[in-house]
Protein backbone atom coordinates (compact mmCIF):
# COMPACT_ATOMS: atom_id res chain seq x y z
CA UNK A 1 54.76 72.21 -11.06
CA UNK A 2 56.46 70.59 -8.31
CA UNK A 3 55.54 69.21 -5.42
CA UNK A 4 57.86 69.20 -2.51
CA UNK A 5 57.97 67.61 1.09
CA UNK A 6 58.32 70.25 3.78
CA UNK A 7 58.86 69.12 7.48
CA UNK A 8 55.90 66.13 5.70
CA UNK A 9 53.32 69.38 4.37
CA UNK A 10 53.29 69.13 0.77
CA UNK A 11 53.66 72.80 -1.24
CA UNK A 12 53.59 73.36 -4.68
CA UNK A 13 55.78 75.59 -6.97
CA UNK A 14 55.45 76.89 -10.40
CA UNK A 15 59.01 76.07 -11.37
CA UNK A 16 62.30 74.94 -9.97
CA UNK A 17 63.42 76.54 -6.80
CA UNK A 18 67.00 76.27 -4.82
CA UNK A 19 66.96 75.49 -1.43
CA UNK A 20 68.54 78.75 -0.58
CA UNK A 21 65.40 80.77 -2.41
CA UNK A 22 63.41 78.58 -0.70
CA UNK A 23 64.90 79.31 3.23
CA UNK A 24 64.62 83.03 1.95
CA UNK A 25 60.95 82.59 1.16
CA UNK A 26 60.66 80.47 4.28
CA UNK A 27 62.31 83.97 5.88
CA UNK A 28 64.59 81.11 7.34
CA UNK A 29 68.12 82.89 5.58
CA UNK A 30 69.22 84.83 9.08
CA UNK A 31 68.93 81.40 11.47
CA UNK A 32 70.61 78.59 12.09
CA UNK A 33 69.61 75.59 10.40
CA UNK A 34 70.13 72.12 9.59
CA UNK A 35 68.64 70.91 6.14
CA UNK A 36 68.36 67.18 5.22
CA UNK A 37 67.02 66.33 1.79
CA UNK A 38 65.32 62.62 0.82
CA UNK A 39 67.57 60.87 3.94
CA UNK A 40 70.91 63.48 3.24
CA UNK A 41 71.68 66.66 4.55
CA UNK A 42 72.20 69.24 2.45
CA UNK A 43 75.10 71.42 3.63
CA UNK A 44 75.37 75.11 3.87
CA UNK A 45 77.31 75.95 0.97
CA UNK A 46 75.43 74.08 -1.34
CA UNK A 47 72.38 75.54 -0.76
CA UNK A 48 72.51 77.78 -4.17
CA UNK A 49 73.70 74.91 -6.17
CA UNK A 50 70.69 72.45 -5.43
CA UNK A 51 67.80 72.67 -7.30
CA UNK A 52 64.08 70.72 -5.70
CA UNK A 53 62.55 68.06 -7.92
CA UNK A 54 59.38 67.13 -8.14
CA UNK A 55 58.92 64.58 -4.95
CA UNK A 56 61.78 66.13 -2.91
CA UNK A 57 61.53 65.64 1.04
CA UNK A 58 63.00 67.66 3.39
CA UNK A 59 63.60 68.22 6.81
CA UNK A 60 63.82 72.11 7.86
CA UNK A 61 65.69 72.14 11.84
CA UNK A 62 66.16 75.64 13.44
CA UNK A 63 68.43 75.53 15.59
CA UNK A 64 67.08 77.43 19.47
CA UNK A 65 69.67 78.60 22.03
CA UNK A 66 69.23 77.87 25.70
CA UNK A 67 70.17 75.49 28.17
């Protein structure tokens, strides 16, 4: 089991999960988001390759339009 902090809230997963799978699980797949992992921005093109590890800290920001 791994524990990952997402926007300050701890979530637990039974097995390793990719960032892409997490985004789908959070129902953010069709949204414009920025994701920071342990203080570094993760490019969208790397979401499928990067697996979350125990203790990771993520910040997920959803872009909203408007003026």
